[in-house]
C-alpha atoms as a PDB file:
ATOM      1  CA  GLY A   1      97.924 -65.868   8.019  1.00  0.00           C
ATOM      2  CA  LYS A   2      94.601 -66.988   9.417  1.00  0.00           C
ATOM      3  CA  ALA A   3      91.296 -66.309   7.381  1.00  0.00           C
ATOM      4  CA  VAL A   4      89.188 -64.273   9.943  1.00  0.00           C
ATOM      5  CA  GLY A   5      85.369 -64.765   8.698  1.00  0.00           C
ATOM      6  CA  HIS A   6      82.057 -62.520   9.866  1.00  0.00           C
ATOM      7  CA  GLY A   7      81.291 -65.073  12.348  1.00  0.00           C
ATOM      8  CA  ASN A   8      78.566 -67.414  10.568  1.00  0.00           C
ATOM      9  CA  GLY A   9      80.314 -69.862   9.138  1.00  0.00           C
ATOM     10  CA  HIS A  10      81.759 -68.084   5.853  1.00  0.00           C
ATOM     11  CA  GLY A  11      85.331 -68.522   6.380  1.00  0.00           C
ATOM     12  CA  GLY A  12      86.523 -65.670   4.372  1.00  0.00           C
ATOM     13  CA  GLY A  13      88.293 -67.934   1.749  1.00  0.00           C
ATOM     14  CA  ALA A  14      89.918 -70.479   3.834  1.00  0.00           C
ATOM     15  CA  ALA A  15      89.824 -74.227   3.226  1.00  0.00           C
ATOM     16  CA  GLY A  16      86.033 -75.475   3.190  1.00  0.00           C
ATOM     17  CA  SER A  17      84.615 -72.433   2.342  1.00  0.00           C
ATOM     18  CA  ARG A  18      80.898 -71.854   0.909  1.00  0.00           C
ATOM     19  CA  HIS A  19      81.557 -68.818  -1.304  1.00  0.00           C
ATOM     20  CA  ASP A  20      81.703 -69.742  -4.943  1.00  0.00           C
ATOM     21  CA  GLY A  21      83.712 -67.575  -7.249  1.00  0.00           C
ATOM     22  CA  ARG A  22      80.638 -67.425  -9.546  1.00  0.00           C
ATOM     23  CA  VAL A  23      78.287 -66.004  -7.357  1.00  0.00           C
ATOM     24  CA  ASN A  24      78.480 -62.105  -7.104  1.00  0.00           C
ATOM     25  CA  SER A  25      76.306 -59.510  -5.131  1.00  0.00           C
ATOM     26  CA  PHE A  26      75.746 -55.547  -5.799  1.00  0.00           C
ATOM     27  CA  ALA A  27      73.699 -52.573  -4.402  1.00  0.00           C
ATOM     28  CA  ILE A  28      72.234 -49.690  -6.003  1.00  0.00           C
ATOM     29  CA  VAL A  29      71.854 -46.485  -3.620  1.00  0.00           C
ATOM     30  CA  LYS A  30      69.730 -43.483  -5.190  1.00  0.00           C
ATOM     31  CA  GLU A  31      67.525 -40.899  -3.925  1.00  0.00           C
ATOM     32  CA  GLY A  32      64.572 -39.598  -5.626  1.00  0.00           C
ATOM     33  CA  GLU A  33      61.489 -41.636  -6.521  1.00  0.00           C
ATOM     34  CA  ILE A  34      60.591 -43.934  -8.821  1.00  0.00           C
ATOM     35  CA  ALA A  35      57.963 -43.722 -11.465  1.00  0.00           C
ATOM     36  CA  PRO A  36      55.534 -46.884 -10.937  1.00  0.00           C
ATOM     37  CA  ARG A  37      55.474 -48.002 -14.857  1.00  0.00           C
ATOM     38  CA  ASN A  38      59.288 -48.021 -14.403  1.00  0.00           C
ATOM     39  CA  LEU A  39      59.254 -50.182 -11.404  1.00  0.00           C
ATOM     40  CA  GLY A  40      56.524 -52.601 -13.021  1.00  0.00           C
ATOM     41  CA  ARG A  41      59.352 -53.226 -15.972  1.00  0.00           C
ATOM     42  CA  TRP A  42      61.807 -53.427 -14.278  1.00  0.00           C
ATOM     43  CA  MET A  43      60.214 -56.476 -11.691  1.00  0.00           C
ATOM     44  CA  GLN A  44      58.966 -57.720 -15.208  1.00  0.00           C
ATOM     45  CA  ILE A  45      62.645 -57.848 -16.496  1.00  0.00           C
ATOM     46  CA  LEU A  46      64.014 -59.785 -13.448  1.00  0.00           C
ATOM     47  CA  ARG A  47      61.256 -62.658 -14.126  1.00  0.00           C
ATOM     48  CA  MET A  48      62.084 -63.118 -17.576  1.00  0.00           C
ATOM     49  CA  LEU A  49      65.714 -62.976 -17.207  1.00  0.00           C
ATOM     50  CA  PRO A  50      67.362 -65.061 -19.463  1.00  0.00           C
ATOM     51  CA  GLU A  51      69.582 -68.061 -18.185  1.00  0.00           C
ATOM     52  CA  GLU A  52      72.865 -66.878 -20.067  1.00  0.00           C
ATOM     53  CA  LYS A  53      72.679 -63.791 -18.066  1.00  0.00           C
ATOM     54  CA  GLY A  54      72.548 -65.849 -14.666  1.00  0.00           C
ATOM     55  CA  THR A  55      70.369 -66.704 -11.892  1.00  0.00           C
ATOM     56  CA  ILE A  56      69.268 -63.786  -9.176  1.00  0.00           C
ATOM     57  CA  PHE A  57      69.238 -65.675  -6.149  1.00  0.00           C
ATOM     58  CA  ARG A  58      68.418 -62.855  -3.872  1.00  0.00           C
ATOM     59  CA  VAL A  59      66.542 -59.200  -4.071  1.00  0.00           C
ATOM     60  CA  LYS A  60      66.058 -57.249  -1.379  1.00  0.00           C
ATOM     61  CA  ALA A  61      64.282 -53.745  -2.015  1.00  0.00           C
ATOM     62  CA  ILE A  62      62.923 -50.743  -0.519  1.00  0.00           C
ATOM     63  CA  LEU A  63      61.854 -48.245  -2.922  1.00  0.00           C
ATOM     64  CA  ALA A  64      59.859 -44.842  -2.818  1.00  0.00           C
ATOM     65  CA  VAL A  65      57.134 -45.060  -6.013  1.00  0.00           C
ATOM     66  CA  GLN A  66      55.728 -41.924  -6.980  1.00  0.00           C
ATOM     67  CA  GLY A  67      52.321 -40.733  -5.617  1.00  0.00           C
ATOM     68  CA  HIS A  68      52.658 -43.519  -3.061  1.00  0.00           C
ATOM     69  CA  PRO A  69      53.540 -41.892   0.521  1.00  0.00           C
ATOM     70  CA  TYR A  70      54.725 -45.739   1.843  1.00  0.00           C
ATOM     71  CA  LYS A  71      58.028 -47.142   1.346  1.00  0.00           C
ATOM     72  CA  PHE A  72      57.421 -50.415  -1.247  1.00  0.00           C
ATOM     73  CA  VAL A  73      59.498 -53.040   0.195  1.00  0.00           C
ATOM     74  CA  TYR A  74      60.350 -56.287  -2.578  1.00  0.00           C
ATOM     75  CA  HIS A  75      61.565 -59.307  -1.884  1.00  0.00           C
ATOM     76  CA  ALA A  76      62.526 -62.471  -3.566  1.00  0.00           C
ATOM     77  CA  VAL A  77      64.558 -65.512  -3.135  1.00  0.00           C
ATOM     78  CA  MET A  78      64.650 -67.890  -6.605  1.00  0.00           C
ATOM     79  CA  ASP A  79      61.626 -67.937  -8.297  1.00  0.00           C
ATOM     80  CA  VAL A  80      59.230 -66.641  -5.525  1.00  0.00           C
ATOM     81  CA  ALA A  81      58.843 -63.258  -4.763  1.00  0.00           C
ATOM     82  CA  ASP A  82      56.719 -60.308  -2.230  1.00  0.00           C
ATOM     83  CA  SER A  83      55.863 -57.068  -2.009  1.00  0.00           C
ATOM     84  CA  ASP A  84      54.478 -54.862   0.402  1.00  0.00           C
ATOM     85  CA  ASP A  85      54.095 -51.583   2.477  1.00  0.00           C
ATOM     86  CA  ALA A  86      56.290 -50.658   4.962  1.00  0.00           C
ATOM     87  CA  GLY A  87      55.890 -47.233   7.320  1.00  0.00           C
ATOM     88  CA  LEU A  88      55.338 -43.764   5.706  1.00  0.00           C
ATOM     89  CA  TRP A  89      58.029 -41.702   4.164  1.00  0.00           C
ATOM     90  CA  GLY A  90      58.668 -39.363   7.228  1.00  0.00           C
ATOM     91  CA  GLU A  91      57.927 -35.235   6.747  1.00  0.00           C
ATOM     92  CA  GLY A  92      61.405 -34.073   5.239  1.00  0.00           C
ATOM     93  CA  GLU A  93      63.040 -37.506   5.307  1.00  0.00           C
ATOM     94  CA  LYS A  94      65.416 -38.259   2.283  1.00  0.00           C
ATOM     95  CA  LYS A  95      63.415 -40.901  -0.339  1.00  0.00           C
ATOM     96  CA  ILE A  96      66.382 -43.263  -0.787  1.00  0.00           C
ATOM     97  CA  ASN A  97      66.127 -46.339  -3.076  1.00  0.00           C
ATOM     98  CA  LYS A  98      68.125 -49.214  -1.724  1.00  0.00           C
ATOM     99  CA  ILE A  99      68.135 -52.354  -3.835  1.00  0.00           C
ATOM    100  CA  VAL A 100      70.888 -55.291  -2.570  1.00  0.00           C
END
């Protein structure tokens, strides 16, 4: 059968695919708020990950941080990271943390 990609040149396993079987991805979705010190620890762990554990190519996150009324946005590509505040959490909006 014919491999069907998702429209941007990635052939879904067909000959010539740019996908590498050694590269994986995962997502974490969890409701609640993160303690600021735990967020700091997590960011430090990402920066200090030993080579034998692999390489993190990209991280995107929208997080609910305790005591912080804004959505905390974190984006890292290889060794360059940036964080910023997005909009306020809405009244009654579930605080869902998403990390990809």
